[in-house]
Amino acid sequence: MKNIIDVREVLGVQEKRPPLFFDPVGPDKYEAMDRKRITSQIFEEWYRKINYTNTRGLPADLVQLYEDATIALCKILTAEEKIITGRAE
């Protein structure tokens, strides 16, 4: 004979139920649009101004930092786009 103990019942854990009346609130799509627009403008200006300077001979670690910053900004723009289109997780 097996002794089965329902730990959820013993601890009083209740299943999380979705709200019946109010929809869950997620990120604001309109605010995401503003953030994406601002980030995109800053990114384009930053890219243009940095590349207008003489970048020959930059140390490899500095080049990598610029690459990392570029990747981070691209990830931010992609995440904001997912919020705008309703595909955010």
PDB file of N, CA and C in Angstrom:
ATOM      1  N   MET A   1       0.839  -1.166   0.000  1.00  0.00           N
ATOM      2  CA  MET A   1       0.000   0.000   0.000  1.00  0.00           C
ATOM      3  C   MET A   1       0.893   1.241   0.000  1.00  0.00           C
ATOM      4  N   LYS A   2       0.597   2.157  -0.918  1.00  0.00           N
ATOM      5  CA  LYS A   2       1.386   3.378  -1.035  1.00  0.00           C
ATOM      6  C   LYS A   2       0.753   4.489  -0.221  1.00  0.00           C
ATOM      7  N   ASN A   3       1.591   5.204   0.484  1.00  0.00           N
ATOM      8  CA  ASN A   3       1.125   6.395   1.189  1.00  0.00           C
ATOM      9  C   ASN A   3       1.425   7.602   0.306  1.00  0.00           C
ATOM     10  N   ILE A   4       0.393   8.207  -0.223  1.00  0.00           N
ATOM     11  CA  ILE A   4       0.556   9.370  -1.091  1.00  0.00           C
ATOM     12  C   ILE A   4       0.152  10.610  -0.313  1.00  0.00           C
ATOM     13  N   ILE A   5       1.073  11.562  -0.263  1.00  0.00           N
ATOM     14  CA  ILE A   5       0.801  12.819   0.430  1.00  0.00           C
ATOM     15  C   ILE A   5       0.715  13.920  -0.621  1.00  0.00           C
ATOM     16  N   ASP A   6      -0.385  14.624  -0.632  1.00  0.00           N
ATOM     17  CA  ASP A   6      -0.553  15.759  -1.541  1.00  0.00           C
ATOM     18  C   ASP A   6       0.046  16.986  -0.869  1.00  0.00           C
ATOM     19  N   VAL A   7       1.274  17.304  -1.262  1.00  0.00           N
ATOM     20  CA  VAL A   7       2.002  18.411  -0.645  1.00  0.00           C
ATOM     21  C   VAL A   7       1.269  19.731  -0.876  1.00  0.00           C
ATOM     22  N   ARG A   8       0.698  19.916  -2.049  1.00  0.00           N
ATOM     23  CA  ARG A   8      -0.036  21.147  -2.339  1.00  0.00           C
ATOM     24  C   ARG A   8      -1.199  21.319  -1.363  1.00  0.00           C
ATOM     25  N   GLU A   9      -1.887  20.249  -1.111  1.00  0.00           N
ATOM     26  CA  GLU A   9      -3.023  20.320  -0.197  1.00  0.00           C
ATOM     27  C   GLU A   9      -2.554  20.587   1.234  1.00  0.00           C
ATOM     28  N   VAL A  10      -1.496  19.914   1.642  1.00  0.00           N
ATOM     29  CA  VAL A  10      -0.982  20.083   2.989  1.00  0.00           C
ATOM     30  C   VAL A  10      -0.515  21.524   3.211  1.00  0.00           C
ATOM     31  N   LEU A  11       0.155  22.114   2.200  1.00  0.00           N
ATOM     32  CA  LEU A  11       0.673  23.471   2.332  1.00  0.00           C
ATOM     33  C   LEU A  11      -0.356  24.547   1.990  1.00  0.00           C
ATOM     34  N   GLY A  12      -1.510  24.131   1.470  1.00  0.00           N
ATOM     35  CA  GLY A  12      -2.552  25.096   1.135  1.00  0.00           C
ATOM     36  C   GLY A  12      -2.268  25.880  -0.131  1.00  0.00           C
ATOM     37  N   VAL A  13      -1.490  25.280  -1.040  1.00  0.00           N
ATOM     38  CA  VAL A  13      -1.163  25.959  -2.297  1.00  0.00           C
ATOM     39  C   VAL A  13      -2.383  25.944  -3.201  1.00  0.00           C
ATOM     40  N   GLN A  14      -2.717  27.109  -3.730  1.00  0.00           N
ATOM     41  CA  GLN A  14      -3.852  27.210  -4.645  1.00  0.00           C
ATOM     42  C   GLN A  14      -3.334  27.517  -6.043  1.00  0.00           C
ATOM     43  N   GLU A  15      -4.004  26.962  -7.025  1.00  0.00           N
ATOM     44  CA  GLU A  15      -3.631  27.215  -8.408  1.00  0.00           C
ATOM     45  C   GLU A  15      -3.884  28.677  -8.741  1.00  0.00           C
ATOM     46  N   LYS A  16      -2.955  29.258  -9.501  1.00  0.00           N
ATOM     47  CA  LYS A  16      -3.132  30.642  -9.917  1.00  0.00           C
ATOM     48  C   LYS A  16      -4.210  30.685 -10.993  1.00  0.00           C
ATOM     49  N   ARG A  17      -5.202  31.510 -10.761  1.00  0.00           N
ATOM     50  CA  ARG A  17      -6.310  31.615 -11.707  1.00  0.00           C
ATOM     51  C   ARG A  17      -6.212  32.923 -12.470  1.00  0.00           C
ATOM     52  N   PRO A  18      -6.512  32.880 -13.772  1.00  0.00           N
ATOM     53  CA  PRO A  18      -6.517  34.137 -14.525  1.00  0.00           C
ATOM     54  C   PRO A  18      -7.684  35.007 -14.075  1.00  0.00           C
ATOM     55  N   PRO A  19      -7.523  36.321 -14.144  1.00  0.00           N
ATOM     56  CA  PRO A  19      -8.613  37.201 -13.730  1.00  0.00           C
ATOM     57  C   PRO A  19      -9.825  36.995 -14.631  1.00  0.00           C
ATOM     58  N   LEU A  20     -10.999  37.065 -14.035  1.00  0.00           N
ATOM     59  CA  LEU A  20     -12.223  36.870 -14.800  1.00  0.00           C
ATOM     60  C   LEU A  20     -12.708  38.165 -15.452  1.00  0.00           C
ATOM     61  N   PHE A  21     -12.534  39.276 -14.784  1.00  0.00           N
ATOM     62  CA  PHE A  21     -13.093  40.519 -15.285  1.00  0.00           C
ATOM     63  C   PHE A  21     -12.040  41.404 -15.952  1.00  0.00           C
ATOM     64  N   PHE A  22     -10.899  41.604 -15.274  1.00  0.00           N
ATOM     65  CA  PHE A  22      -9.872  42.493 -15.803  1.00  0.00           C
ATOM     66  C   PHE A  22      -8.845  41.699 -16.595  1.00  0.00           C
ATOM     67  N   ASP A  23      -8.446  42.260 -17.727  1.00  0.00           N
ATOM     68  CA  ASP A  23      -7.378  41.656 -18.513  1.00  0.00           C
ATOM     69  C   ASP A  23      -6.044  41.945 -17.829  1.00  0.00           C
ATOM     70  N   PRO A  24      -5.123  41.001 -17.906  1.00  0.00           N
ATOM     71  CA  PRO A  24      -3.805  41.277 -17.341  1.00  0.00           C
ATOM     72  C   PRO A  24      -3.156  42.441 -18.103  1.00  0.00           C
ATOM     73  N   VAL A  25      -2.495  43.299 -17.377  1.00  0.00           N
ATOM     74  CA  VAL A  25      -1.869  44.463 -17.995  1.00  0.00           C
ATOM     75  C   VAL A  25      -0.429  44.120 -18.343  1.00  0.00           C
ATOM     76  N   GLY A  26      -0.085  44.394 -19.570  1.00  0.00           N
ATOM     77  CA  GLY A  26       1.287  44.158 -20.020  1.00  0.00           C
ATOM     78  C   GLY A  26       1.965  45.473 -20.325  1.00  0.00           C
ATOM     79  N   PRO A  27       3.111  45.397 -20.969  1.00  0.00           N
ATOM     80  CA  PRO A  27       3.821  46.624 -21.328  1.00  0.00           C
ATOM     81  C   PRO A  27       2.988  47.487 -22.275  1.00  0.00           C
ATOM     82  N   ASP A  28       3.107  48.789 -22.144  1.00  0.00           N
ATOM     83  CA  ASP A  28       2.366  49.742 -22.960  1.00  0.00           C
ATOM     84  C   ASP A  28       2.992  49.838 -24.351  1.00  0.00           C
ATOM     85  N   LYS A  29       2.207  49.483 -25.378  1.00  0.00           N
ATOM     86  CA  LYS A  29       2.706  49.489 -26.749  1.00  0.00           C
ATOM     87  C   LYS A  29       3.082  50.893 -27.211  1.00  0.00           C
ATOM     88  N   TYR A  30       2.325  51.871 -26.787  1.00  0.00           N
ATOM     89  CA  TYR A  30       2.593  53.243 -27.226  1.00  0.00           C
ATOM     90  C   TYR A  30       3.868  53.788 -26.595  1.00  0.00           C
ATOM     91  N   GLU A  31       4.104  53.426 -25.346  1.00  0.00           N
ATOM     92  CA  GLU A  31       5.356  53.823 -24.703  1.00  0.00           C
ATOM     93  C   GLU A  31       6.537  53.110 -25.359  1.00  0.00           C
ATOM     94  N   ALA A  32       6.318  51.847 -25.748  1.00  0.00           N
ATOM     95  CA  ALA A  32       7.363  51.096 -26.447  1.00  0.00           C
ATOM     96  C   ALA A  32       7.692  51.756 -27.781  1.00  0.00           C
ATOM     97  N   MET A  33       6.676  52.275 -28.462  1.00  0.00           N
ATOM     98  CA  MET A  33       6.917  52.975 -29.727  1.00  0.00           C
ATOM     99  C   MET A  33       7.790  54.200 -29.513  1.00  0.00           C
ATOM    100  N   ASP A  34       7.483  54.949 -28.458  1.00  0.00           N
ATOM    101  CA  ASP A  34       8.290  56.134 -28.146  1.00  0.00           C
ATOM    102  C   ASP A  34       9.729  55.742 -27.820  1.00  0.00           C
ATOM    103  N   ARG A  35       9.890  54.721 -26.980  1.00  0.00           N
ATOM    104  CA  ARG A  35      11.240  54.287 -26.611  1.00  0.00           C
ATOM    105  C   ARG A  35      12.015  53.802 -27.836  1.00  0.00           C
ATOM    106  N   LYS A  36      11.330  53.053 -28.702  1.00  0.00           N
ATOM    107  CA  LYS A  36      11.993  52.535 -29.901  1.00  0.00           C
ATOM    108  C   LYS A  36      12.408  53.681 -30.819  1.00  0.00           C
ATOM    109  N   ARG A  37      11.542  54.657 -30.993  1.00  0.00           N
ATOM    110  CA  ARG A  37      11.846  55.807 -31.845  1.00  0.00           C
ATOM    111  C   ARG A  37      13.057  56.565 -31.302  1.00  0.00           C
ATOM    112  N   ILE A  38      13.038  56.843 -30.002  1.00  0.00           N
ATOM    113  CA  ILE A  38      14.136  57.579 -29.369  1.00  0.00           C
ATOM    114  C   ILE A  38      15.447  56.788 -29.472  1.00  0.00           C
ATOM    115  N   THR A  39      15.398  55.515 -29.147  1.00  0.00           N
ATOM    116  CA  THR A  39      16.587  54.672 -29.196  1.00  0.00           C
ATOM    117  C   THR A  39      17.137  54.594 -30.615  1.00  0.00           C
ATOM    118  N   SER A  40      16.257  54.452 -31.583  1.00  0.00           N
ATOM    119  CA  SER A  40      16.672  54.371 -32.980  1.00  0.00           C
ATOM    120  C   SER A  40      17.348  55.660 -33.433  1.00  0.00           C
ATOM    121  N   GLN A  41      16.766  56.794 -33.075  1.00  0.00           N
ATOM    122  CA  GLN A  41      17.362  58.086 -33.447  1.00  0.00           C
ATOM    123  C   GLN A  41      18.746  58.256 -32.823  1.00  0.00           C
ATOM    124  N   ILE A  42      18.849  57.940 -31.549  1.00  0.00           N
ATOM    125  CA  ILE A  42      20.136  58.073 -30.851  1.00  0.00           C
ATOM    126  C   ILE A  42      21.167  57.113 -31.446  1.00  0.00           C
ATOM    127  N   PHE A  43      20.731  55.884 -31.734  1.00  0.00           N
ATOM    128  CA  PHE A  43      21.615  54.874 -32.301  1.00  0.00           C
ATOM    129  C   PHE A  43      22.159  55.342 -33.649  1.00  0.00           C
ATOM    130  N   GLU A  44      21.290  55.838 -34.516  1.00  0.00           N
ATOM    131  CA  GLU A  44      21.717  56.297 -35.841  1.00  0.00           C
ATOM    132  C   GLU A  44      22.688  57.476 -35.736  1.00  0.00           C
ATOM    133  N   GLU A  45      22.394  58.420 -34.859  1.00  0.00           N
ATOM    134  CA  GLU A  45      23.261  59.582 -34.690  1.00  0.00           C
ATOM    135  C   GLU A  45      24.619  59.157 -34.120  1.00  0.00           C
ATOM    136  N   TRP A  46      24.598  58.292 -33.113  1.00  0.00           N
ATOM    137  CA  TRP A  46      25.822  57.787 -32.494  1.00  0.00           C
ATOM    138  C   TRP A  46      26.687  57.073 -33.529  1.00  0.00           C
ATOM    139  N   TYR A  47      26.075  56.183 -34.303  1.00  0.00           N
ATOM    140  CA  TYR A  47      26.789  55.414 -35.328  1.00  0.00           C
ATOM    141  C   TYR A  47      27.430  56.362 -36.343  1.00  0.00           C
ATOM    142  N   ARG A  48      26.645  57.318 -36.826  1.00  0.00           N
ATOM    143  CA  ARG A  48      27.128  58.264 -37.835  1.00  0.00           C
ATOM    144  C   ARG A  48      28.286  59.101 -37.293  1.00  0.00           C
ATOM    145  N   LYS A  49      28.132  59.650 -36.090  1.00  0.00           N
ATOM    146  CA  LYS A  49      29.170  60.517 -35.533  1.00  0.00           C
ATOM    147  C   LYS A  49      30.451  59.758 -35.206  1.00  0.00           C
ATOM    148  N   ILE A  50      30.335  58.569 -34.659  1.00  0.00           N
ATOM    149  CA  ILE A  50      31.523  57.777 -34.330  1.00  0.00           C
ATOM    150  C   ILE A  50      32.257  57.379 -35.601  1.00  0.00           C
ATOM    151  N   ASN A  51      31.517  56.944 -36.616  1.00  0.00           N
ATOM    152  CA  ASN A  51      32.158  56.511 -37.852  1.00  0.00           C
ATOM    153  C   ASN A  51      32.691  57.674 -38.677  1.00  0.00           C
ATOM    154  N   TYR A  52      32.290  58.886 -38.353  1.00  0.00           N
ATOM    155  CA  TYR A  52      32.830  60.069 -39.016  1.00  0.00           C
ATOM    156  C   TYR A  52      34.230  60.391 -38.502  1.00  0.00           C
ATOM    157  N   THR A  53      34.533  59.934 -37.294  1.00  0.00           N
ATOM    158  CA  THR A  53      35.866  60.163 -36.733  1.00  0.00           C
ATOM    159  C   THR A  53      36.846  59.152 -37.324  1.00  0.00           C
ATOM    160  N   ASN A  54      38.113  59.401 -37.100  1.00  0.00           N
ATOM    161  CA  ASN A  54      39.157  58.485 -37.546  1.00  0.00           C
ATOM    162  C   ASN A  54      39.187  57.297 -36.582  1.00  0.00           C
ATOM    163  N   THR A  55      38.715  56.153 -37.031  1.00  0.00           N
ATOM    164  CA  THR A  55      38.651  54.969 -36.166  1.00  0.00           C
ATOM    165  C   THR A  55      39.767  53.965 -36.471  1.00  0.00           C
ATOM    166  N   ARG A  56      40.675  54.337 -37.359  1.00  0.00           N
ATOM    167  CA  ARG A  56      41.805  53.443 -37.661  1.00  0.00           C
ATOM    168  C   ARG A  56      42.692  53.321 -36.422  1.00  0.00           C
ATOM    169  N   GLY A  57      43.147  52.146 -36.192  1.00  0.00           N
ATOM    170  CA  GLY A  57      44.099  51.926 -35.112  1.00  0.00           C
ATOM    171  C   GLY A  57      43.496  51.869 -33.715  1.00  0.00           C
ATOM    172  N   LEU A  58      42.174  51.750 -33.621  1.00  0.00           N
ATOM    173  CA  LEU A  58      41.573  51.625 -32.281  1.00  0.00           C
ATOM    174  C   LEU A  58      42.009  50.305 -31.661  1.00  0.00           C
ATOM    175  N   PRO A  59      42.254  50.286 -30.371  1.00  0.00           N
ATOM    176  CA  PRO A  59      42.605  49.017 -29.700  1.00  0.00           C
ATOM    177  C   PRO A  59      41.454  48.006 -29.839  1.00  0.00           C
ATOM    178  N   ALA A  60      41.817  46.754 -29.921  1.00  0.00           N
ATOM    179  CA  ALA A  60      40.834  45.685 -30.122  1.00  0.00           C
ATOM    180  C   ALA A  60      39.785  45.659 -29.008  1.00  0.00           C
ATOM    181  N   ASP A  61      40.192  45.939 -27.758  1.00  0.00           N
ATOM    182  CA  ASP A  61      39.216  45.911 -26.664  1.00  0.00           C
ATOM    183  C   ASP A  61      38.197  47.045 -26.798  1.00  0.00           C
ATOM    184  N   LEU A  62      38.618  48.185 -27.330  1.00  0.00           N
ATOM    185  CA  LEU A  62      37.684  49.289 -27.545  1.00  0.00           C
ATOM    186  C   LEU A  62      36.728  48.977 -28.708  1.00  0.00           C
ATOM    187  N   VAL A  63      37.262  48.386 -29.758  1.00  0.00           N
ATOM    188  CA  VAL A  63      36.407  47.973 -30.882  1.00  0.00           C
ATOM    189  C   VAL A  63      35.361  46.986 -30.383  1.00  0.00           C
ATOM    190  N   GLN A  64      35.770  46.057 -29.531  1.00  0.00           N
ATOM    191  CA  GLN A  64      34.832  45.070 -28.994  1.00  0.00           C
ATOM    192  C   GLN A  64      33.744  45.737 -28.154  1.00  0.00           C
ATOM    193  N   LEU A  65      34.105  46.757 -27.398  1.00  0.00           N
ATOM    194  CA  LEU A  65      33.104  47.484 -26.607  1.00  0.00           C
ATOM    195  C   LEU A  65      32.076  48.168 -27.507  1.00  0.00           C
ATOM    196  N   TYR A  66      32.545  48.755 -28.605  1.00  0.00           N
ATOM    197  CA  TYR A  66      31.604  49.349 -29.565  1.00  0.00           C
ATOM    198  C   TYR A  66      30.700  48.274 -30.171  1.00  0.00           C
ATOM    199  N   GLU A  67      31.272  47.121 -30.483  1.00  0.00           N
ATOM    200  CA  GLU A  67      30.468  46.010 -31.019  1.00  0.00           C
ATOM    201  C   GLU A  67      29.427  45.553 -29.997  1.00  0.00           C
ATOM    202  N   ASP A  68      29.845  45.424 -28.733  1.00  0.00           N
ATOM    203  CA  ASP A  68      28.923  45.008 -27.669  1.00  0.00           C
ATOM    204  C   ASP A  68      27.793  46.022 -27.499  1.00  0.00           C
ATOM    205  N   ALA A  69      28.139  47.304 -27.558  1.00  0.00           N
ATOM    206  CA  ALA A  69      27.118  48.348 -27.429  1.00  0.00           C
ATOM    207  C   ALA A  69      26.130  48.284 -28.593  1.00  0.00           C
ATOM    208  N   THR A  70      26.648  48.045 -29.786  1.00  0.00           N
ATOM    209  CA  THR A  70      25.788  47.935 -30.971  1.00  0.00           C
ATOM    210  C   THR A  70      24.835  46.754 -30.830  1.00  0.00           C
ATOM    211  N   ILE A  71      25.348  45.625 -30.395  1.00  0.00           N
ATOM    212  CA  ILE A  71      24.507  44.434 -30.211  1.00  0.00           C
ATOM    213  C   ILE A  71      23.444  44.697 -29.146  1.00  0.00           C
ATOM    214  N   ALA A  72      23.837  45.347 -28.042  1.00  0.00           N
ATOM    215  CA  ALA A  72      22.872  45.657 -26.974  1.00  0.00           C
ATOM    216  C   ALA A  72      21.756  46.561 -27.489  1.00  0.00           C
ATOM    217  N   LEU A  73      22.114  47.577 -28.257  1.00  0.00           N
ATOM    218  CA  LEU A  73      21.088  48.477 -28.800  1.00  0.00           C
ATOM    219  C   LEU A  73      20.166  47.738 -29.775  1.00  0.00           C
ATOM    220  N   CYS A  74      20.716  46.854 -30.576  1.00  0.00           N
ATOM    221  CA  CYS A  74      19.888  46.055 -31.490  1.00  0.00           C
ATOM    222  C   CYS A  74      18.924  45.150 -30.719  1.00  0.00           C
ATOM    223  N   LYS A  75      19.397  44.585 -29.624  1.00  0.00           N
ATOM    224  CA  LYS A  75      18.532  43.744 -28.781  1.00  0.00           C
ATOM    225  C   LYS A  75      17.420  44.570 -28.153  1.00  0.00           C
ATOM    226  N   ILE A  76      17.740  45.795 -27.734  1.00  0.00           N
ATOM    227  CA  ILE A  76      16.726  46.685 -27.158  1.00  0.00           C
ATOM    228  C   ILE A  76      15.679  47.017 -28.205  1.00  0.00           C
ATOM    229  N   LEU A  77      16.107  47.364 -29.402  1.00  0.00           N
ATOM    230  CA  LEU A  77      15.161  47.691 -30.472  1.00  0.00           C
ATOM    231  C   LEU A  77      14.273  46.497 -30.818  1.00  0.00           C
ATOM    232  N   THR A  78      14.850  45.303 -30.831  1.00  0.00           N
ATOM    233  CA  THR A  78      14.081  44.087 -31.109  1.00  0.00           C
ATOM    234  C   THR A  78      13.057  43.822 -30.008  1.00  0.00           C
ATOM    235  N   ALA A  79      13.451  44.001 -28.756  1.00  0.00           N
ATOM    236  CA  ALA A  79      12.532  43.779 -27.635  1.00  0.00           C
ATOM    237  C   ALA A  79      11.387  44.784 -27.664  1.00  0.00           C
ATOM    238  N   GLU A  80      11.686  46.040 -27.973  1.00  0.00           N
ATOM    239  CA  GLU A  80      10.631  47.055 -28.067  1.00  0.00           C
ATOM    240  C   GLU A  80       9.680  46.719 -29.219  1.00  0.00           C
ATOM    241  N   GLU A  81      10.224  46.234 -30.319  1.00  0.00           N
ATOM    242  CA  GLU A  81       9.388  45.847 -31.467  1.00  0.00           C
ATOM    243  C   GLU A  81       8.447  44.699 -31.083  1.00  0.00           C
ATOM    244  N   LYS A  82       8.930  43.769 -30.289  1.00  0.00           N
ATOM    245  CA  LYS A  82       8.080  42.660 -29.837  1.00  0.00           C
ATOM    246  C   LYS A  82       6.937  43.172 -28.967  1.00  0.00           C
ATOM    247  N   ILE A  83       7.204  44.164 -28.142  1.00  0.00           N
ATOM    248  CA  ILE A  83       6.125  44.759 -27.323  1.00  0.00           C
ATOM    249  C   ILE A  83       5.110  45.436 -28.225  1.00  0.00           C
ATOM    250  N   ILE A  84       5.600  46.177 -29.212  1.00  0.00           N
ATOM    251  CA  ILE A  84       4.711  46.920 -30.116  1.00  0.00           C
ATOM    252  C   ILE A  84       3.804  45.972 -30.896  1.00  0.00           C
ATOM    253  N   THR A  85       4.361  44.866 -31.353  1.00  0.00           N
ATOM    254  CA  THR A  85       3.586  43.924 -32.175  1.00  0.00           C
ATOM    255  C   THR A  85       2.838  42.880 -31.355  1.00  0.00           C
ATOM    256  N   GLY A  86       2.986  42.945 -30.038  1.00  0.00           N
ATOM    257  CA  GLY A  86       2.258  42.001 -29.179  1.00  0.00           C
ATOM    258  C   GLY A  86       2.904  40.643 -29.087  1.00  0.00           C
ATOM    259  N   ARG A  87       4.172  40.532 -29.428  1.00  0.00           N
ATOM    260  CA  ARG A  87       4.869  39.240 -29.365  1.00  0.00           C
ATOM    261  C   ARG A  87       5.797  39.144 -28.168  1.00  0.00           C
ATOM    262  N   ALA A  88       5.691  40.114 -27.232  1.00  0.00           N
ATOM    263  CA  ALA A  88       6.552  40.098 -26.050  1.00  0.00           C
ATOM    264  C   ALA A  88       6.191  38.910 -25.166  1.00  0.00           C
ATOM    265  N   GLU A  89       7.198  38.387 -24.507  1.00  0.00           N
ATOM    266  CA  GLU A  89       6.989  37.199 -23.657  1.00  0.00           C
ATOM    267  C   GLU A  89       6.554  37.597 -22.272  1.00  0.00           C
TER     268      GLU A  89
END
